N, C-alpha and C. Protein backbone atom coordinates (compact mmCIF):
# COMPACT_ATOMS: atom_id res chain seq x y z
N UNK A 1 -8.37 16.37 9.23
CA UNK A 1 -7.99 14.94 9.48
C UNK A 1 -6.31 15.19 9.76
N UNK A 2 -5.61 14.30 10.36
CA UNK A 2 -4.30 14.29 10.49
C UNK A 2 -3.76 13.10 9.90
N UNK A 3 -2.58 12.94 10.05
CA UNK A 3 -1.65 11.62 9.41
C UNK A 3 -1.77 10.29 10.23
N UNK A 4 -2.52 10.42 11.50
CA UNK A 4 -2.49 9.36 12.40
C UNK A 4 -3.64 8.47 12.13
N UNK A 5 -3.74 7.18 11.50
CA UNK A 5 -4.81 6.42 11.17
C UNK A 5 -5.58 6.02 12.48
N UNK A 6 -4.89 5.64 13.58
CA UNK A 6 -5.41 5.17 14.77
C UNK A 6 -6.33 6.35 15.29
N UNK A 7 -5.92 7.63 15.25
CA UNK A 7 -6.72 8.61 15.74
C UNK A 7 -7.94 8.85 14.89
N UNK A 8 -7.75 8.55 13.66
CA UNK A 8 -8.97 8.71 12.81
C UNK A 8 -9.89 7.73 12.87
N UNK A 9 -9.49 6.50 13.07
CA UNK A 9 -10.55 5.49 13.41
C UNK A 9 -11.04 5.54 14.72
N UNK A 10 -10.34 6.03 15.74
CA UNK A 10 -10.98 6.44 16.94
C UNK A 10 -12.22 7.52 16.77
N UNK A 11 -11.90 8.49 16.10
CA UNK A 11 -12.64 9.64 15.89
C UNK A 11 -13.84 9.05 15.28
N UNK A 12 -13.78 8.23 14.13
CA UNK A 12 -14.89 7.72 13.24
C UNK A 12 -15.72 6.90 14.16
N UNK A 13 -14.98 5.95 15.10
CA UNK A 13 -15.86 5.06 15.95
C UNK A 13 -16.56 5.90 17.00
N UNK A 14 -16.21 6.79 17.55
CA UNK A 14 -16.72 7.57 18.53
C UNK A 14 -17.83 8.24 18.06
N UNK A 15 -17.76 8.91 16.90
CA UNK A 15 -18.72 9.85 16.33
C UNK A 15 -19.99 9.23 15.65
N UNK A 16 -19.47 7.91 15.04
CA UNK A 16 -20.62 7.30 14.22
C UNK A 16 -21.01 5.92 14.68
N UNK A 17 -20.25 5.35 15.54
CA UNK A 17 -20.72 3.93 15.89
C UNK A 17 -20.74 3.82 17.46
N UNK A 18 -20.84 4.90 18.24
CA UNK A 18 -21.16 4.86 19.48
C UNK A 18 -22.54 4.46 19.86
N UNK A 19 -23.32 4.67 19.06
CA UNK A 19 -24.95 4.44 19.32
C UNK A 19 -25.36 3.14 18.97
N UNK A 20 -24.45 2.32 18.18
CA UNK A 20 -24.70 0.90 17.98
C UNK A 20 -24.70 -0.09 19.09
N UNK A 21 -25.67 -1.06 19.02
CA UNK A 21 -25.65 -1.75 20.12
C UNK A 21 -24.74 -3.00 19.57
N UNK A 22 -23.29 -2.82 19.54
CA UNK A 22 -22.72 -3.76 19.08
C UNK A 22 -21.38 -3.98 19.90
N UNK A 23 -20.80 -5.12 19.64
CA UNK A 23 -19.55 -5.28 20.36
C UNK A 23 -18.41 -4.33 20.08
N UNK A 24 -17.51 -3.93 20.97
CA UNK A 24 -16.47 -3.01 20.71
C UNK A 24 -15.65 -3.30 19.52
N UNK A 25 -15.40 -4.69 19.33
CA UNK A 25 -14.64 -5.08 18.16
C UNK A 25 -15.33 -4.72 16.85
N UNK A 26 -16.67 -4.70 16.85
CA UNK A 26 -17.40 -4.57 15.54
C UNK A 26 -17.36 -3.07 15.19
N UNK A 27 -17.38 -2.27 16.29
CA UNK A 27 -17.31 -0.77 16.07
C UNK A 27 -15.87 -0.39 15.61
N UNK A 28 -14.86 -0.94 16.15
CA UNK A 28 -13.53 -0.71 15.69
C UNK A 28 -13.36 -1.45 14.17
N UNK A 29 -14.07 -2.33 13.87
CA UNK A 29 -13.88 -2.96 12.55
C UNK A 29 -14.53 -2.02 11.55
N UNK A 30 -15.69 -1.48 12.00
CA UNK A 30 -16.39 -0.45 11.02
C UNK A 30 -15.64 0.61 10.90
N UNK A 31 -15.00 1.26 11.89
CA UNK A 31 -14.06 2.56 11.72
C UNK A 31 -12.89 2.06 10.90
N UNK A 32 -12.44 0.96 10.97
CA UNK A 32 -11.13 0.52 10.15
C UNK A 32 -11.72 0.52 8.64
N UNK A 33 -12.79 -0.12 8.56
CA UNK A 33 -13.46 -0.38 7.12
C UNK A 33 -13.56 0.98 6.45
N UNK A 34 -14.11 1.86 7.11
CA UNK A 34 -14.33 3.36 6.85
C UNK A 34 -13.13 4.07 6.07
N UNK A 35 -12.11 3.75 7.15
CA UNK A 35 -10.58 4.28 6.51
C UNK A 35 -10.33 3.54 5.32
N UNK A 36 -10.39 2.26 5.20
CA UNK A 36 -9.99 1.44 3.98
C UNK A 36 -10.84 1.93 2.86
N UNK A 37 -12.11 2.04 3.00
CA UNK A 37 -12.92 2.64 1.80
C UNK A 37 -12.59 3.86 1.48
N UNK A 38 -12.36 4.94 2.48
CA UNK A 38 -12.00 6.28 2.14
C UNK A 38 -10.57 6.28 0.99
N UNK A 39 -9.82 5.47 1.38
CA UNK A 39 -8.49 5.32 0.90
C UNK A 39 -8.70 4.73 -0.60
N UNK A 40 -9.63 3.51 -0.69
CA UNK A 40 -9.71 3.05 -1.97
C UNK A 40 -10.61 3.93 -2.99
N UNK A 41 -11.44 4.89 -2.52
CA UNK A 41 -12.16 5.74 -3.26
C UNK A 41 -11.27 7.01 -3.59
N UNK A 42 -9.87 7.00 -3.05
CA UNK A 42 -9.17 8.24 -3.31
C UNK A 42 -9.44 9.36 -2.52
N UNK A 43 -10.11 9.27 -1.42
CA UNK A 43 -10.51 10.47 -0.56
C UNK A 43 -9.55 10.86 0.30
N UNK A 44 -8.76 9.78 0.85
CA UNK A 44 -7.57 10.13 1.76
C UNK A 44 -6.28 9.54 1.04
N UNK A 45 -5.15 9.95 1.65
CA UNK A 45 -3.82 9.58 0.73
C UNK A 45 -3.74 8.13 1.23
N UNK A 46 -2.74 7.26 0.45
CA UNK A 46 -2.71 5.92 0.81
C UNK A 46 -1.96 5.69 2.13
N UNK A 47 -0.99 6.48 2.48
CA UNK A 47 -0.09 6.19 3.68
C UNK A 47 -0.49 6.80 4.93
N UNK A 48 -1.68 7.63 4.95
CA UNK A 48 -2.16 8.38 6.16
C UNK A 48 -3.64 8.57 5.84
N UNK A 49 -4.29 9.64 6.66
CA UNK A 49 -5.57 10.01 6.66
C UNK A 49 -5.71 11.41 6.17
N UNK A 50 -4.68 11.92 5.45
CA UNK A 50 -4.95 13.33 5.02
C UNK A 50 -5.73 13.21 3.80
N UNK A 51 -6.87 14.19 3.57
CA UNK A 51 -7.67 14.37 2.58
C UNK A 51 -6.89 14.57 1.25
N UNK A 52 -7.29 13.94 0.18
CA UNK A 52 -6.76 14.25 -1.14
C UNK A 52 -7.60 15.57 -1.70
N UNK A 53 -7.33 15.93 -2.87
CA UNK A 53 -7.89 17.02 -3.53
C UNK A 53 -9.46 16.71 -3.76
N UNK A 54 -9.63 15.50 -4.06
CA UNK A 54 -11.01 15.08 -4.33
C UNK A 54 -11.82 14.99 -2.87
N UNK A 55 -11.10 14.40 -1.99
CA UNK A 55 -11.75 14.53 -0.47
C UNK A 55 -11.84 15.87 0.00
N UNK A 56 -11.02 16.95 -0.32
CA UNK A 56 -11.36 18.17 0.03
C UNK A 56 -12.44 18.79 -0.73
N UNK A 57 -12.62 18.35 -1.96
CA UNK A 57 -13.55 19.10 -2.73
C UNK A 57 -15.06 18.58 -2.39
N UNK A 58 -14.95 17.10 -2.00
CA UNK A 58 -16.36 16.58 -1.52
C UNK A 58 -16.69 17.11 0.01
N UNK A 59 -15.65 17.22 0.76
CA UNK A 59 -15.83 17.99 1.99
C UNK A 59 -16.37 19.27 1.80
N UNK A 60 -15.86 19.91 0.91
CA UNK A 60 -16.27 21.46 0.66
C UNK A 60 -17.99 21.30 0.43
N UNK A 61 -18.45 20.34 -0.21
CA UNK A 61 -19.77 20.04 -0.64
C UNK A 61 -20.67 19.43 0.36
N UNK A 62 -20.32 19.35 1.54
CA UNK A 62 -20.96 18.46 2.78
C UNK A 62 -22.22 18.91 3.06
N UNK A 63 -22.63 20.26 2.81
CA UNK A 63 -23.73 21.03 3.03
C UNK A 63 -24.91 20.93 1.95
N UNK A 64 -24.33 20.18 0.77
CA UNK A 64 -25.12 20.33 -0.36
C UNK A 64 -25.28 18.87 -1.00
N UNK A 65 -26.05 18.25 -0.44
CA UNK A 65 -26.37 16.93 -0.73
C UNK A 65 -26.26 16.38 -2.05
N UNK A 66 -27.35 17.05 -2.94
CA UNK A 66 -27.22 16.60 -4.33
C UNK A 66 -25.89 16.87 -5.17
N UNK A 67 -25.39 17.96 -4.91
CA UNK A 67 -24.15 18.29 -5.27
C UNK A 67 -23.05 17.41 -4.98
N UNK A 68 -22.83 16.89 -3.66
CA UNK A 68 -22.01 16.03 -3.11
C UNK A 68 -22.18 14.74 -3.97
N UNK A 69 -23.49 14.23 -3.76
CA UNK A 69 -23.62 13.07 -4.49
C UNK A 69 -23.25 12.87 -5.71
N UNK A 70 -23.59 13.92 -6.68
CA UNK A 70 -23.41 13.95 -7.98
C UNK A 70 -21.79 13.91 -8.32
N UNK A 71 -21.07 14.83 -7.54
CA UNK A 71 -19.55 14.88 -7.65
C UNK A 71 -19.04 13.64 -7.38
N UNK A 72 -19.42 12.96 -6.34
CA UNK A 72 -18.90 11.67 -5.79
C UNK A 72 -19.29 10.55 -7.01
N UNK A 73 -20.31 10.62 -7.49
CA UNK A 73 -20.60 9.67 -8.56
C UNK A 73 -19.69 9.75 -9.83
N UNK A 74 -19.60 11.11 -10.08
CA UNK A 74 -18.62 11.38 -11.33
C UNK A 74 -17.31 11.00 -11.14
N UNK A 75 -16.77 11.11 -9.70
CA UNK A 75 -15.48 10.80 -9.35
C UNK A 75 -15.33 9.17 -9.52
N UNK A 76 -16.36 8.55 -9.19
CA UNK A 76 -16.33 7.02 -9.16
C UNK A 76 -16.39 6.59 -10.57
N UNK A 77 -17.16 7.02 -11.34
CA UNK A 77 -17.31 6.58 -12.86
C UNK A 77 -16.04 6.99 -13.65
N UNK A 78 -15.37 8.23 -13.49
CA UNK A 78 -14.42 8.62 -14.25
C UNK A 78 -13.06 8.30 -13.90
N UNK A 79 -12.93 8.16 -12.53
CA UNK A 79 -11.58 8.05 -12.05
C UNK A 79 -11.23 6.54 -11.36
N UNK A 80 -12.29 5.86 -11.22
CA UNK A 80 -11.95 4.56 -10.51
C UNK A 80 -12.37 3.41 -11.46
N UNK A 81 -12.48 3.50 -12.49
CA UNK A 81 -12.82 2.40 -13.46
C UNK A 81 -14.15 1.70 -13.27
N UNK A 82 -15.04 2.38 -12.69
CA UNK A 82 -16.26 1.80 -12.32
C UNK A 82 -17.18 1.67 -13.80
N UNK A 83 -16.82 2.47 -14.68
CA UNK A 83 -17.63 2.26 -15.88
C UNK A 83 -17.21 0.94 -16.68
N UNK A 84 -15.94 0.79 -16.37
CA UNK A 84 -15.23 -0.47 -16.96
C UNK A 84 -15.83 -1.67 -16.27
N UNK A 85 -16.06 -1.54 -15.07
CA UNK A 85 -16.68 -2.57 -14.33
C UNK A 85 -18.07 -2.72 -14.63
N UNK A 86 -18.87 -1.84 -14.80
CA UNK A 86 -20.33 -1.91 -15.19
C UNK A 86 -20.36 -2.52 -16.53
N UNK A 87 -19.49 -2.25 -17.48
CA UNK A 87 -19.43 -2.84 -18.72
C UNK A 87 -19.20 -4.09 -18.84
N UNK A 88 -18.06 -4.63 -17.83
CA UNK A 88 -17.68 -6.11 -17.62
C UNK A 88 -19.13 -6.76 -17.36
N UNK A 89 -19.81 -6.35 -16.25
CA UNK A 89 -20.99 -6.96 -15.81
C UNK A 89 -22.10 -7.18 -17.00
N UNK A 90 -22.13 -6.08 -17.88
CA UNK A 90 -23.12 -6.09 -18.96
C UNK A 90 -22.58 -7.04 -20.06
N UNK A 91 -21.32 -7.33 -20.20
CA UNK A 91 -20.76 -8.23 -21.17
C UNK A 91 -21.09 -9.74 -20.65
N UNK A 92 -21.01 -9.80 -19.19
CA UNK A 92 -21.20 -11.17 -18.63
C UNK A 92 -22.77 -11.38 -19.04
N UNK A 93 -23.54 -10.40 -18.64
CA UNK A 93 -24.98 -10.68 -19.00
C UNK A 93 -25.40 -11.00 -20.45
N UNK A 94 -24.60 -10.29 -21.09
CA UNK A 94 -24.85 -10.58 -22.77
C UNK A 94 -24.70 -11.81 -23.10
N UNK A 95 -23.34 -12.45 -22.47
CA UNK A 95 -23.00 -13.90 -22.83
C UNK A 95 -23.60 -14.95 -22.08
N UNK A 96 -24.53 -14.43 -21.17
CA UNK A 96 -25.50 -15.37 -20.57
C UNK A 96 -24.78 -15.99 -19.40
N UNK A 97 -23.58 -15.22 -18.78
CA UNK A 97 -22.80 -15.98 -17.81
C UNK A 97 -23.59 -15.65 -16.26
N UNK A 98 -23.45 -16.64 -15.52
CA UNK A 98 -23.95 -16.25 -14.10
C UNK A 98 -22.86 -15.42 -13.52
N UNK A 99 -23.32 -14.61 -12.75
CA UNK A 99 -22.51 -13.58 -12.28
C UNK A 99 -22.16 -13.90 -10.74
N UNK A 100 -21.29 -14.36 -10.28
CA UNK A 100 -20.86 -14.59 -8.91
C UNK A 100 -19.12 -14.29 -8.72
N UNK A 101 -18.88 -14.18 -7.47
CA UNK A 101 -17.67 -13.41 -7.24
C UNK A 101 -16.47 -14.12 -8.06
N UNK A 102 -16.48 -15.44 -7.85
CA UNK A 102 -14.91 -15.98 -8.56
C UNK A 102 -15.09 -15.73 -10.14
N UNK A 103 -16.26 -15.83 -10.71
CA UNK A 103 -16.42 -15.56 -12.15
C UNK A 103 -16.21 -14.17 -12.41
N UNK A 104 -16.84 -13.27 -11.69
CA UNK A 104 -16.64 -11.83 -11.85
C UNK A 104 -15.15 -11.33 -11.77
N UNK A 105 -14.40 -11.97 -10.81
CA UNK A 105 -13.10 -11.52 -10.59
C UNK A 105 -12.29 -12.12 -12.01
N UNK A 106 -12.50 -13.21 -12.36
CA UNK A 106 -11.93 -13.56 -13.64
C UNK A 106 -12.28 -12.73 -14.76
N UNK A 107 -13.35 -12.43 -15.15
CA UNK A 107 -13.73 -11.41 -16.07
C UNK A 107 -13.14 -10.10 -15.95
N UNK A 108 -13.12 -9.54 -14.66
CA UNK A 108 -12.56 -8.41 -14.42
C UNK A 108 -10.97 -8.24 -14.73
N UNK A 109 -10.20 -9.43 -14.48
CA UNK A 109 -8.89 -9.41 -14.61
C UNK A 109 -8.76 -9.41 -16.21
N UNK A 110 -9.46 -10.28 -16.86
CA UNK A 110 -9.35 -10.04 -18.25
C UNK A 110 -9.69 -8.63 -18.80
N UNK A 111 -10.37 -7.82 -18.44
CA UNK A 111 -10.68 -6.43 -18.73
C UNK A 111 -9.50 -5.53 -18.03
N UNK A 112 -8.55 -6.06 -17.25
CA UNK A 112 -7.53 -5.14 -16.79
C UNK A 112 -8.00 -4.60 -15.67
N UNK A 113 -8.99 -4.93 -14.97
CA UNK A 113 -9.43 -4.49 -13.61
C UNK A 113 -9.04 -5.24 -12.35
N UNK A 114 -8.01 -5.05 -11.59
CA UNK A 114 -7.70 -5.83 -10.61
C UNK A 114 -8.41 -5.38 -9.33
N UNK A 115 -9.03 -6.81 -8.76
CA UNK A 115 -9.80 -6.82 -7.67
C UNK A 115 -9.02 -7.42 -6.53
N UNK A 116 -8.81 -6.87 -5.45
CA UNK A 116 -8.17 -7.60 -4.41
C UNK A 116 -8.84 -8.77 -3.61
């Protein structure tokens, strides 16, 4: 992958979205969301589409599904504050709170987890 995000999105759209019976706008949006998700998961750098060390590691496991999924799950839980997220939801359940987006955001903020 190179540093040009438009080229990246076009490649994602062409490879993974071309078979969808959807409007071109939706295909472009899906490709854009893929880039945003990869950036959020720390798989590509923030300013371009170059793989990070984690992205390269996961890419090297692409032919070993179980190892790939296990390593990705470890990355999410250890490096992306997902355990804190899960614990926050569990705390809400213990307190008898209804879990919906606005309330979850408030609880997450109180736990020090920023949600855009």
